[in-house]
PDB file of all heavy atoms in Angstrom:
ATOM      1  N   ILE A   1      35.935 -11.402  60.489  1.00  0.00           N
ATOM      2  CA  ILE A   1      36.552 -10.288  59.654  1.00  0.00           C
ATOM      3  C   ILE A   1      35.689  -9.005  59.951  1.00  0.00           C
ATOM      4  O   ILE A   1      34.445  -9.082  60.271  1.00  0.00           O
ATOM      5  CB  ILE A   1      36.592 -10.671  58.151  1.00  0.00           C
ATOM      6  CG1 ILE A   1      35.158 -11.013  57.655  1.00  0.00           C
ATOM      7  CG2 ILE A   1      37.550 -11.728  57.919  1.00  0.00           C
ATOM      8  CD1 ILE A   1      35.128 -11.204  56.139  1.00  0.00           C
ATOM      9  N   LYS A   2      36.287  -7.798  59.692  1.00  0.00           N
ATOM     10  CA  LYS A   2      35.647  -6.563  59.969  1.00  0.00           C
ATOM     11  C   LYS A   2      36.028  -5.686  58.778  1.00  0.00           C
ATOM     12  O   LYS A   2      37.216  -5.718  58.357  1.00  0.00           O
ATOM     13  CB  LYS A   2      36.029  -6.024  61.259  1.00  0.00           C
ATOM     14  CG  LYS A   2      35.724  -6.806  62.414  1.00  0.00           C
ATOM     15  CD  LYS A   2      36.254  -6.235  63.741  1.00  0.00           C
ATOM     16  CE  LYS A   2      35.960  -7.070  64.869  1.00  0.00           C
ATOM     17  NZ  LYS A   2      36.376  -6.636  66.135  1.00  0.00           N
ATOM     18  N   TRP A   3      35.132  -4.820  58.315  1.00  0.00           N
ATOM     19  CA  TRP A   3      35.464  -3.902  57.328  1.00  0.00           C
ATOM     20  C   TRP A   3      35.053  -2.498  57.793  1.00  0.00           C
ATOM     21  O   TRP A   3      34.034  -2.309  58.656  1.00  0.00           O
ATOM     22  CB  TRP A   3      34.918  -4.108  55.954  1.00  0.00           C
ATOM     23  CG  TRP A   3      33.495  -4.483  55.861  1.00  0.00           C
ATOM     24  CD1 TRP A   3      32.501  -3.668  55.652  1.00  0.00           C
ATOM     25  CD2 TRP A   3      32.829  -5.794  55.922  1.00  0.00           C
ATOM     26  NE1 TRP A   3      31.242  -4.289  55.622  1.00  0.00           N
ATOM     27  CE2 TRP A   3      31.437  -5.565  55.739  1.00  0.00           C
ATOM     28  CE3 TRP A   3      33.411  -7.078  56.046  1.00  0.00           C
ATOM     29  CZ2 TRP A   3      30.632  -6.632  55.814  1.00  0.00           C
ATOM     30  CZ3 TRP A   3      32.451  -8.156  56.005  1.00  0.00           C
ATOM     31  CH2 TRP A   3      31.098  -7.879  55.904  1.00  0.00           C
ATOM     32  N   SER A   4      35.626  -1.413  57.237  1.00  0.00           N
ATOM     33  CA  SER A   4      35.318  -0.066  57.756  1.00  0.00           C
ATOM     34  C   SER A   4      35.499   0.961  56.496  1.00  0.00           C
ATOM     35  O   SER A   4      36.175   0.555  55.506  1.00  0.00           O
ATOM     36  CB  SER A   4      36.105   0.362  58.869  1.00  0.00           C
ATOM     37  OG  SER A   4      37.479   0.430  58.529  1.00  0.00           O
ATOM     38  N   ASP A   5      34.860   2.000  56.688  1.00  0.00           N
ATOM     39  CA  ASP A   5      34.991   3.131  55.708  1.00  0.00           C
ATOM     40  C   ASP A   5      34.549   2.794  54.247  1.00  0.00           C
ATOM     41  O   ASP A   5      35.173   3.097  53.251  1.00  0.00           O
ATOM     42  CB  ASP A   5      36.436   3.722  55.636  1.00  0.00           C
ATOM     43  CG  ASP A   5      36.767   4.166  57.106  1.00  0.00           C
ATOM     44  OD1 ASP A   5      35.910   4.980  57.581  1.00  0.00           O
ATOM     45  OD2 ASP A   5      37.799   3.823  57.516  1.00  0.00           O
ATOM     46  N   ALA A   6      33.319   2.100  54.156  1.00  0.00           N
ATOM     47  CA  ALA A   6      32.823   1.794  52.925  1.00  0.00           C
ATOM     48  C   ALA A   6      32.414   3.011  52.222  1.00  0.00           C
ATOM     49  O   ALA A   6      32.088   4.085  52.802  1.00  0.00           O
ATOM     50  CB  ALA A   6      31.500   0.950  52.993  1.00  0.00           C
ATOM     51  N   PRO A   7      32.553   2.970  50.879  1.00  0.00           N
ATOM     52  CA  PRO A   7      32.252   4.232  50.005  1.00  0.00           C
ATOM     53  C   PRO A   7      30.793   4.625  50.115  1.00  0.00           C
ATOM     54  O   PRO A   7      29.985   3.852  50.283  1.00  0.00           O
ATOM     55  CB  PRO A   7      32.621   3.814  48.690  1.00  0.00           C
ATOM     56  CG  PRO A   7      32.584   2.392  48.550  1.00  0.00           C
ATOM     57  CD  PRO A   7      32.918   1.852  49.988  1.00  0.00           C
ATOM     58  N   ALA A   8      30.456   5.808  49.892  1.00  0.00           N
ATOM     59  CA  ALA A   8      29.146   6.370  49.809  1.00  0.00           C
ATOM     60  C   ALA A   8      28.421   5.638  48.723  1.00  0.00           C
ATOM     61  O   ALA A   8      29.047   5.338  47.648  1.00  0.00           O
ATOM     62  CB  ALA A   8      29.144   7.899  49.526  1.00  0.00           C
ATOM     63  N   GLY A   9      27.110   5.357  48.899  1.00  0.00           N
ATOM     64  CA  GLY A   9      26.372   4.656  47.897  1.00  0.00           C
ATOM     65  C   GLY A   9      26.383   3.155  48.058  1.00  0.00           C
ATOM     66  O   GLY A   9      25.726   2.521  47.271  1.00  0.00           O
ATOM     67  N   THR A  10      27.138   2.632  49.013  1.00  0.00           N
ATOM     68  CA  THR A  10      27.137   1.273  49.189  1.00  0.00           C
ATOM     69  C   THR A  10      25.735   0.701  49.585  1.00  0.00           C
ATOM     70  O   THR A  10      25.157   1.258  50.568  1.00  0.00           O
ATOM     71  CB  THR A  10      28.149   0.830  50.314  1.00  0.00           C
ATOM     72  OG1 THR A  10      29.472   1.231  49.913  1.00  0.00           O
ATOM     73  CG2 THR A  10      28.078  -0.696  50.496  1.00  0.00           C
ATOM     74  N   LYS A  11      25.207  -0.310  48.820  1.00  0.00           N
ATOM     75  CA  LYS A  11      23.922  -0.823  49.148  1.00  0.00           C
ATOM     76  C   LYS A  11      23.986  -2.268  49.666  1.00  0.00           C
ATOM     77  O   LYS A  11      23.049  -2.818  50.256  1.00  0.00           O
ATOM     78  CB  LYS A  11      23.046  -0.859  47.896  1.00  0.00           C
ATOM     79  CG  LYS A  11      22.739   0.631  47.456  1.00  0.00           C
ATOM     80  CD  LYS A  11      21.829   0.645  46.254  1.00  0.00           C
ATOM     81  CE  LYS A  11      21.526   2.146  45.977  1.00  0.00           C
ATOM     82  NZ  LYS A  11      20.638   2.165  44.703  1.00  0.00           N
ATOM     83  N   SER A  12      25.211  -2.931  49.549  1.00  0.00           N
ATOM     84  CA  SER A  12      25.373  -4.273  50.069  1.00  0.00           C
ATOM     85  C   SER A  12      26.798  -4.611  49.954  1.00  0.00           C
ATOM     86  O   SER A  12      27.610  -3.846  49.377  1.00  0.00           O
ATOM     87  CB  SER A  12      24.530  -5.315  49.358  1.00  0.00           C
ATOM     88  OG  SER A  12      25.058  -5.588  48.020  1.00  0.00           O
ATOM     89  N   PHE A  13      27.218  -5.738  50.592  1.00  0.00           N
ATOM     90  CA  PHE A  13      28.569  -6.235  50.545  1.00  0.00           C
ATOM     91  C   PHE A  13      28.548  -7.679  50.128  1.00  0.00           C
ATOM     92  O   PHE A  13      27.546  -8.396  50.202  1.00  0.00           O
ATOM     93  CB  PHE A  13      29.076  -6.118  51.994  1.00  0.00           C
ATOM     94  CG  PHE A  13      29.366  -4.731  52.484  1.00  0.00           C
ATOM     95  CD1 PHE A  13      28.511  -4.242  53.416  1.00  0.00           C
ATOM     96  CD2 PHE A  13      30.370  -3.967  52.157  1.00  0.00           C
ATOM     97  CE1 PHE A  13      28.467  -2.959  53.960  1.00  0.00           C
ATOM     98  CE2 PHE A  13      30.542  -2.724  52.583  1.00  0.00           C
ATOM     99  CZ  PHE A  13      29.574  -2.201  53.542  1.00  0.00           C
ATOM    100  N   ALA A  14      29.658  -8.095  49.682  1.00  0.00           N
ATOM    101  CA  ALA A  14      30.062  -9.516  49.377  1.00  0.00           C
ATOM    102  C   ALA A  14      31.364  -9.856  49.958  1.00  0.00           C
ATOM    103  O   ALA A  14      32.141  -8.932  49.985  1.00  0.00           O
ATOM    104  CB  ALA A  14      29.990  -9.838  47.979  1.00  0.00           C
ATOM    105  N   VAL A  15      31.679 -11.018  50.269  1.00  0.00           N
ATOM    106  CA  VAL A  15      32.992 -11.483  50.764  1.00  0.00           C
ATOM    107  C   VAL A  15      33.326 -12.747  49.997  1.00  0.00           C
ATOM    108  O   VAL A  15      32.564 -13.704  49.803  1.00  0.00           O
ATOM    109  CB  VAL A  15      32.912 -11.708  52.261  1.00  0.00           C
ATOM    110  CG1 VAL A  15      34.202 -12.409  52.794  1.00  0.00           C
ATOM    111  CG2 VAL A  15      32.707 -10.462  53.023  1.00  0.00           C
ATOM    112  N   THR A  16      34.579 -12.813  49.574  1.00  0.00           N
ATOM    113  CA  THR A  16      35.117 -13.933  48.966  1.00  0.00           C
ATOM    114  C   THR A  16      36.448 -14.274  49.531  1.00  0.00           C
ATOM    115  O   THR A  16      37.209 -13.359  49.998  1.00  0.00           O
ATOM    116  CB  THR A  16      35.301 -13.717  47.408  1.00  0.00           C
ATOM    117  OG1 THR A  16      36.189 -12.732  47.160  1.00  0.00           O
ATOM    118  CG2 THR A  16      33.996 -13.448  46.833  1.00  0.00           C
ATOM    119  N   VAL A  17      36.878 -15.554  49.466  1.00  0.00           N
ATOM    120  CA  VAL A  17      38.266 -16.010  49.708  1.00  0.00           C
ATOM    121  C   VAL A  17      38.641 -16.790  48.463  1.00  0.00           C
ATOM    122  O   VAL A  17      38.014 -17.660  48.095  1.00  0.00           O
ATOM    123  CB  VAL A  17      38.310 -16.847  51.000  1.00  0.00           C
ATOM    124  CG1 VAL A  17      39.731 -17.348  51.255  1.00  0.00           C
ATOM    125  CG2 VAL A  17      37.799 -16.073  52.179  1.00  0.00           C
ATOM    126  N   TYR A  18      39.800 -16.410  47.805  1.00  0.00           N
ATOM    127  CA  TYR A  18      40.167 -16.945  46.729  1.00  0.00           C
ATOM    128  C   TYR A  18      41.776 -17.310  46.729  1.00  0.00           C
ATOM    129  O   TYR A  18      42.532 -16.500  47.250  1.00  0.00           O
ATOM    130  CB  TYR A  18      39.909 -15.853  45.552  1.00  0.00           C
ATOM    131  CG  TYR A  18      40.382 -16.379  44.200  1.00  0.00           C
ATOM    132  CD1 TYR A  18      39.668 -17.206  43.568  1.00  0.00           C
ATOM    133  CD2 TYR A  18      41.469 -15.723  43.567  1.00  0.00           C
ATOM    134  CE1 TYR A  18      39.957 -17.592  42.233  1.00  0.00           C
ATOM    135  CE2 TYR A  18      41.810 -16.030  42.344  1.00  0.00           C
ATOM    136  CZ  TYR A  18      41.117 -17.042  41.565  1.00  0.00           C
ATOM    137  OH  TYR A  18      41.435 -17.448  40.303  1.00  0.00           O
ATOM    138  N   ASP A  19      42.063 -18.391  46.147  1.00  0.00           N
ATOM    139  CA  ASP A  19      43.574 -18.858  46.065  1.00  0.00           C
ATOM    140  C   ASP A  19      43.843 -18.774  44.533  1.00  0.00           C
ATOM    141  O   ASP A  19      43.579 -19.677  43.762  1.00  0.00           O
ATOM    142  CB  ASP A  19      43.689 -20.195  46.598  1.00  0.00           C
ATOM    143  CG  ASP A  19      45.077 -20.797  46.382  1.00  0.00           C
ATOM    144  OD1 ASP A  19      45.954 -20.101  45.884  1.00  0.00           O
ATOM    145  OD2 ASP A  19      45.207 -21.956  46.595  1.00  0.00           O
ATOM    146  N   ARG A  20      44.663 -17.746  44.166  1.00  0.00           N
ATOM    147  CA  ARG A  20      45.024 -17.652  42.734  1.00  0.00           C
ATOM    148  C   ARG A  20      46.248 -18.506  42.458  1.00  0.00           C
ATOM    149  O   ARG A  20      46.501 -18.769  41.191  1.00  0.00           O
ATOM    150  CB  ARG A  20      45.306 -16.231  42.389  1.00  0.00           C
ATOM    151  CG  ARG A  20      46.439 -15.636  43.042  1.00  0.00           C
ATOM    152  CD  ARG A  20      46.889 -14.175  42.586  1.00  0.00           C
ATOM    153  NE  ARG A  20      45.718 -13.207  42.787  1.00  0.00           N
ATOM    154  CZ  ARG A  20      44.918 -12.818  41.818  1.00  0.00           C
ATOM    155  NH1 ARG A  20      45.124 -13.195  40.546  1.00  0.00           N
ATOM    156  NH2 ARG A  20      43.941 -12.004  42.095  1.00  0.00           N
ATOM    157  N   ASP A  21      46.798 -19.146  43.423  1.00  0.00           N
ATOM    158  CA  ASP A  21      47.975 -20.042  43.214  1.00  0.00           C
ATOM    159  C   ASP A  21      47.491 -21.531  43.029  1.00  0.00           C
ATOM    160  O   ASP A  21      48.363 -22.381  42.819  1.00  0.00           O
ATOM    161  CB  ASP A  21      48.918 -19.973  44.351  1.00  0.00           C
ATOM    162  CG  ASP A  21      49.586 -18.567  44.389  1.00  0.00           C
ATOM    163  OD1 ASP A  21      49.925 -18.013  43.383  1.00  0.00           O
ATOM    164  OD2 ASP A  21      49.677 -18.073  45.602  1.00  0.00           O
ATOM    165  N   ALA A  22      46.252 -21.777  43.182  1.00  0.00           N
ATOM    166  CA  ALA A  22      45.713 -23.152  43.047  1.00  0.00           C
ATOM    167  C   ALA A  22      46.262 -23.770  41.707  1.00  0.00           C
ATOM    168  O   ALA A  22      46.011 -22.982  40.646  1.00  0.00           O
ATOM    169  CB  ALA A  22      44.356 -23.291  43.303  1.00  0.00           C
ATOM    170  N   PRO A  23      46.594 -25.024  41.541  1.00  0.00           N
ATOM    171  CA  PRO A  23      47.082 -25.514  40.270  1.00  0.00           C
ATOM    172  C   PRO A  23      45.930 -26.047  39.372  1.00  0.00           C
ATOM    173  O   PRO A  23      45.821 -27.165  39.057  1.00  0.00           O
ATOM    174  CB  PRO A  23      48.057 -26.610  40.669  1.00  0.00           C
ATOM    175  CG  PRO A  23      47.466 -27.146  42.031  1.00  0.00           C
ATOM    176  CD  PRO A  23      46.928 -25.839  42.692  1.00  0.00           C
ATOM    177  N   THR A  24      44.983 -25.138  39.075  1.00  0.00           N
ATOM    178  CA  THR A  24      43.766 -25.436  38.338  1.00  0.00           C
ATOM    179  C   THR A  24      43.720 -24.756  37.040  1.00  0.00           C
ATOM    180  O   THR A  24      42.866 -25.103  36.167  1.00  0.00           O
ATOM    181  CB  THR A  24      42.491 -25.054  39.140  1.00  0.00           C
ATOM    182  OG1 THR A  24      42.518 -23.662  39.304  1.00  0.00           O
ATOM    183  CG2 THR A  24      42.390 -25.759  40.513  1.00  0.00           C
ATOM    184  N   GLY A  25      44.568 -23.677  36.810  1.00  0.00           N
ATOM    185  CA  GLY A  25      44.352 -22.847  35.731  1.00  0.00           C
ATOM    186  C   GLY A  25      43.328 -21.732  35.867  1.00  0.00           C
ATOM    187  O   GLY A  25      43.364 -20.810  35.110  1.00  0.00           O
ATOM    188  N   SER A  26      42.540 -21.796  36.953  1.00  0.00           N
ATOM    189  CA  SER A  26      41.548 -20.784  37.204  1.00  0.00           C
ATOM    190  C   SER A  26      41.553 -20.384  38.653  1.00  0.00           C
ATOM    191  O   SER A  26      40.537 -19.747  39.069  1.00  0.00           O
ATOM    192  CB  SER A  26      40.242 -21.236  36.672  1.00  0.00           C
ATOM    193  OG  SER A  26      39.755 -22.388  37.230  1.00  0.00           O
ATOM    194  N   GLY A  27      42.426 -20.857  39.483  1.00  0.00           N
ATOM    195  CA  GLY A  27      42.387 -20.516  40.854  1.00  0.00           C
ATOM    196  C   GLY A  27      41.331 -21.324  41.648  1.00  0.00           C
ATOM    197  O   GLY A  27      40.842 -22.363  41.090  1.00  0.00           O
ATOM    198  N   TRP A  28      41.033 -20.995  42.839  1.00  0.00           N
ATOM    199  CA  TRP A  28      40.115 -21.844  43.734  1.00  0.00           C
ATOM    200  C   TRP A  28      39.382 -20.834  44.632  1.00  0.00           C
ATOM    201  O   TRP A  28      39.833 -20.084  45.373  1.00  0.00           O
ATOM    202  CB  TRP A  28      41.009 -22.740  44.599  1.00  0.00           C
ATOM    203  CG  TRP A  28      40.182 -23.856  45.255  1.00  0.00           C
ATOM    204  CD1 TRP A  28      39.503 -23.674  46.428  1.00  0.00           C
ATOM    205  CD2 TRP A  28      39.861 -25.155  44.808  1.00  0.00           C
ATOM    206  NE1 TRP A  28      38.870 -24.854  46.771  1.00  0.00           N
ATOM    207  CE2 TRP A  28      39.140 -25.756  45.787  1.00  0.00           C
ATOM    208  CE3 TRP A  28      40.243 -25.862  43.659  1.00  0.00           C
ATOM    209  CZ2 TRP A  28      38.647 -27.184  45.672  1.00  0.00           C
ATOM    210  CZ3 TRP A  28      39.726 -27.156  43.546  1.00  0.00           C
ATOM    211  CH2 TRP A  28      39.071 -27.753  44.555  1.00  0.00           C
ATOM    212  N   TRP A  29      37.956 -20.995  44.597  1.00  0.00           N
ATOM    213  CA  TRP A  29      37.142 -20.197  45.444  1.00  0.00           C
ATOM    214  C   TRP A  29      36.927 -20.939  46.681  1.00  0.00           C
ATOM    215  O   TRP A  29      36.365 -22.149  46.731  1.00  0.00           O
ATOM    216  CB  TRP A  29      35.774 -19.979  44.682  1.00  0.00           C
ATOM    217  CG  TRP A  29      35.919 -19.152  43.527  1.00  0.00           C
ATOM    218  CD1 TRP A  29      35.934 -19.713  42.143  1.00  0.00           C
ATOM    219  CD2 TRP A  29      35.910 -17.865  43.387  1.00  0.00           C
ATOM    220  NE1 TRP A  29      36.111 -18.534  41.376  1.00  0.00           N
ATOM    221  CE2 TRP A  29      36.040 -17.378  42.054  1.00  0.00           C
ATOM    222  CE3 TRP A  29      35.809 -16.690  44.394  1.00  0.00           C
ATOM    223  CZ2 TRP A  29      36.067 -16.032  41.709  1.00  0.00           C
ATOM    224  CZ3 TRP A  29      35.916 -15.482  43.994  1.00  0.00           C
ATOM    225  CH2 TRP A  29      35.968 -15.145  42.572  1.00  0.00           C
ATOM    226  N   HIS A  30      37.359 -20.434  47.758  1.00  0.00           N
ATOM    227  CA  HIS A  30      37.248 -20.979  49.218  1.00  0.00           C
ATOM    228  C   HIS A  30      35.977 -20.521  49.924  1.00  0.00           C
ATOM    229  O   HIS A  30      35.600 -21.196  50.869  1.00  0.00           O
ATOM    230  CB  HIS A  30      38.505 -20.667  49.978  1.00  0.00           C
ATOM    231  CG  HIS A  30      39.781 -21.500  49.461  1.00  0.00           C
ATOM    232  ND1 HIS A  30      39.933 -22.630  50.148  1.00  0.00           N
ATOM    233  CD2 HIS A  30      40.525 -21.198  48.482  1.00  0.00           C
ATOM    234  CE1 HIS A  30      41.130 -23.056  49.518  1.00  0.00           C
ATOM    235  NE2 HIS A  30      41.476 -22.362  48.555  1.00  0.00           N
ATOM    236  N   TRP A  31      35.455 -19.361  49.571  1.00  0.00           N
ATOM    237  CA  TRP A  31      34.319 -18.818  50.281  1.00  0.00           C
ATOM    238  C   TRP A  31      33.641 -17.697  49.410  1.00  0.00           C
ATOM    239  O   TRP A  31      34.279 -16.965  48.894  1.00  0.00           O
ATOM    240  CB  TRP A  31      34.708 -18.269  51.636  1.00  0.00           C
ATOM    241  CG  TRP A  31      33.555 -18.028  52.584  1.00  0.00           C
ATOM    242  CD1 TRP A  31      32.238 -18.466  52.538  1.00  0.00           C
ATOM    243  CD2 TRP A  31      33.659 -17.277  53.745  1.00  0.00           C
ATOM    244  NE1 TRP A  31      31.623 -18.016  53.666  1.00  0.00           N
ATOM    245  CE2 TRP A  31      32.391 -17.233  54.488  1.00  0.00           C
ATOM    246  CE3 TRP A  31      34.634 -16.489  54.422  1.00  0.00           C
ATOM    247  CZ2 TRP A  31      32.078 -16.578  55.631  1.00  0.00           C
ATOM    248  CZ3 TRP A  31      34.410 -15.859  55.597  1.00  0.00           C
ATOM    249  CH2 TRP A  31      33.178 -15.857  56.163  1.00  0.00           C
ATOM    250  N   VAL A  32      32.323 -17.815  49.300  1.00  0.00           N
ATOM    251  CA  VAL A  32      31.606 -16.808  48.532  1.00  0.00           C
ATOM    252  C   VAL A  32      30.322 -16.563  49.308  1.00  0.00           C
ATOM    253  O   VAL A  32      29.488 -17.461  49.452  1.00  0.00           O
ATOM    254  CB  VAL A  32      31.229 -17.341  47.059  1.00  0.00           C
ATOM    255  CG1 VAL A  32      30.509 -16.269  46.359  1.00  0.00           C
ATOM    256  CG2 VAL A  32      32.558 -17.781  46.374  1.00  0.00           C
ATOM    257  N   ILE A  33      30.228 -15.325  49.841  1.00  0.00           N
ATOM    258  CA  ILE A  33      28.973 -14.924  50.532  1.00  0.00           C
ATOM    259  C   ILE A  33      28.561 -13.589  50.041  1.00  0.00           C
ATOM    260  O   ILE A  33      29.418 -12.666  50.107  1.00  0.00           O
ATOM    261  CB  ILE A  33      29.128 -14.999  52.024  1.00  0.00           C
ATOM    262  CG1 ILE A  33      27.867 -14.528  52.845  1.00  0.00           C
ATOM    263  CG2 ILE A  33      30.406 -14.331  52.553  1.00  0.00           C
ATOM    264  CD1 ILE A  33      27.931 -14.823  54.378  1.00  0.00           C
ATOM    265  N   PHE A  34      27.407 -13.320  49.721  1.00  0.00           N
ATOM    266  CA  PHE A  34      26.897 -12.106  49.156  1.00  0.00           C
ATOM    267  C   PHE A  34      25.447 -11.719  49.598  1.00  0.00           C
ATOM    268  O   PHE A  34      24.870 -12.464  50.393  1.00  0.00           O
ATOM    269  CB  PHE A  34      26.962 -12.042  47.576  1.00  0.00           C
ATOM    270  CG  PHE A  34      26.120 -13.250  47.061  1.00  0.00           C
ATOM    271  CD1 PHE A  34      24.873 -12.988  46.556  1.00  0.00           C
ATOM    272  CD2 PHE A  34      26.698 -14.457  46.779  1.00  0.00           C
ATOM    273  CE1 PHE A  34      24.103 -14.048  45.870  1.00  0.00           C
ATOM    274  CE2 PHE A  34      26.026 -15.512  46.167  1.00  0.00           C
ATOM    275  CZ  PHE A  34      24.690 -15.366  45.813  1.00  0.00           C
ATOM    276  N   ASN A  35      24.977 -10.592  49.195  1.00  0.00           N
ATOM    277  CA  ASN A  35      23.726  -9.981  49.638  1.00  0.00           C
ATOM    278  C   ASN A  35      23.818  -9.770  51.146  1.00  0.00           C
ATOM    279  O   ASN A  35      22.825  -9.883  51.923  1.00  0.00           O
ATOM    280  CB  ASN A  35      22.431 -10.959  49.296  1.00  0.00           C
ATOM    281  CG  ASN A  35      22.289 -10.909  47.808  1.00  0.00           C
ATOM    282  OD1 ASN A  35      22.914 -10.248  47.047  1.00  0.00           O
ATOM    283  ND2 ASN A  35      21.352 -11.740  47.357  1.00  0.00           N
ATOM    284  N   ILE A  36      24.983  -9.218  51.573  1.00  0.00           N
ATOM    285  CA  ILE A  36      25.144  -8.866  53.005  1.00  0.00           C
ATOM    286  C   ILE A  36      24.693  -7.366  53.060  1.00  0.00           C
ATOM    287  O   ILE A  36      25.086  -6.498  52.374  1.00  0.00           O
ATOM    288  CB  ILE A  36      26.627  -8.914  53.397  1.00  0.00           C
ATOM    289  CG1 ILE A  36      27.080 -10.398  53.231  1.00  0.00           C
ATOM    290  CG2 ILE A  36      26.780  -8.444  54.830  1.00  0.00           C
ATOM    291  CD1 ILE A  36      28.602 -10.527  53.353  1.00  0.00           C
ATOM    292  N   SER A  37      23.763  -7.105  54.039  1.00  0.00           N
ATOM    293  CA  SER A  37      23.162  -5.757  54.129  1.00  0.00           C
ATOM    294  C   SER A  37      24.226  -4.729  54.295  1.00  0.00           C
ATOM    295  O   SER A  37      25.155  -4.908  54.901  1.00  0.00           O
ATOM    296  CB  SER A  37      22.265  -5.747  55.269  1.00  0.00           C
ATOM    297  OG  SER A  37      21.653  -4.524  55.507  1.00  0.00           O
ATOM    298  N   ALA A  38      23.937  -3.464  53.778  1.00  0.00           N
ATOM    299  CA  ALA A  38      24.841  -2.397  53.907  1.00  0.00           C
ATOM    300  C   ALA A  38      25.069  -1.919  55.321  1.00  0.00           C
ATOM    301  O   ALA A  38      26.081  -1.255  55.576  1.00  0.00           O
ATOM    302  CB  ALA A  38      24.263  -1.158  53.129  1.00  0.00           C
ATOM    303  N   ASP A  39      24.217  -2.315  56.310  1.00  0.00           N
ATOM    304  CA  ASP A  39      24.410  -1.961  57.691  1.00  0.00           C
ATOM    305  C   ASP A  39      25.344  -2.924  58.464  1.00  0.00           C
ATOM    306  O   ASP A  39      25.514  -2.700  59.653  1.00  0.00           O
ATOM    307  CB  ASP A  39      23.091  -1.697  58.368  1.00  0.00           C
ATOM    308  CG  ASP A  39      22.257  -2.996  58.498  1.00  0.00           C
ATOM    309  OD1 ASP A  39      22.556  -4.007  57.929  1.00  0.00           O
ATOM    310  OD2 ASP A  39      21.129  -2.848  59.061  1.00  0.00           O
ATOM    311  N   VAL A  40      25.790  -3.895  57.764  1.00  0.00           N
ATOM    312  CA  VAL A  40      26.731  -5.037  58.385  1.00  0.00           C
ATOM    313  C   VAL A  40      28.119  -4.445  58.071  1.00  0.00           C
ATOM    314  O   VAL A  40      28.459  -4.039  57.054  1.00  0.00           O
ATOM    315  CB  VAL A  40      26.453  -6.275  57.842  1.00  0.00           C
ATOM    316  CG1 VAL A  40      27.383  -7.315  58.234  1.00  0.00           C
ATOM    317  CG2 VAL A  40      25.062  -6.779  58.121  1.00  0.00           C
ATOM    318  N   SER A  41      29.071  -4.637  59.120  1.00  0.00           N
ATOM    319  CA  SER A  41      30.384  -4.251  59.053  1.00  0.00           C
ATOM    320  C   SER A  41      31.339  -5.407  59.318  1.00  0.00           C
ATOM    321  O   SER A  41      32.547  -5.097  59.668  1.00  0.00           O
ATOM    322  CB  SER A  41      30.659  -3.033  59.913  1.00  0.00           C
ATOM    323  OG  SER A  41      30.467  -3.349  61.251  1.00  0.00           O
TER     324      SER A  41
END
């Protein structure tokens, strides 16, 4: 995955993958990664 044109003041990034249709009542978290440096795209 790639991202571009982050807003001014961005100090880090996080990425998630989420399924809101999962039959759990609260969805399903498939991927959670955070504390990604602001110089990563």
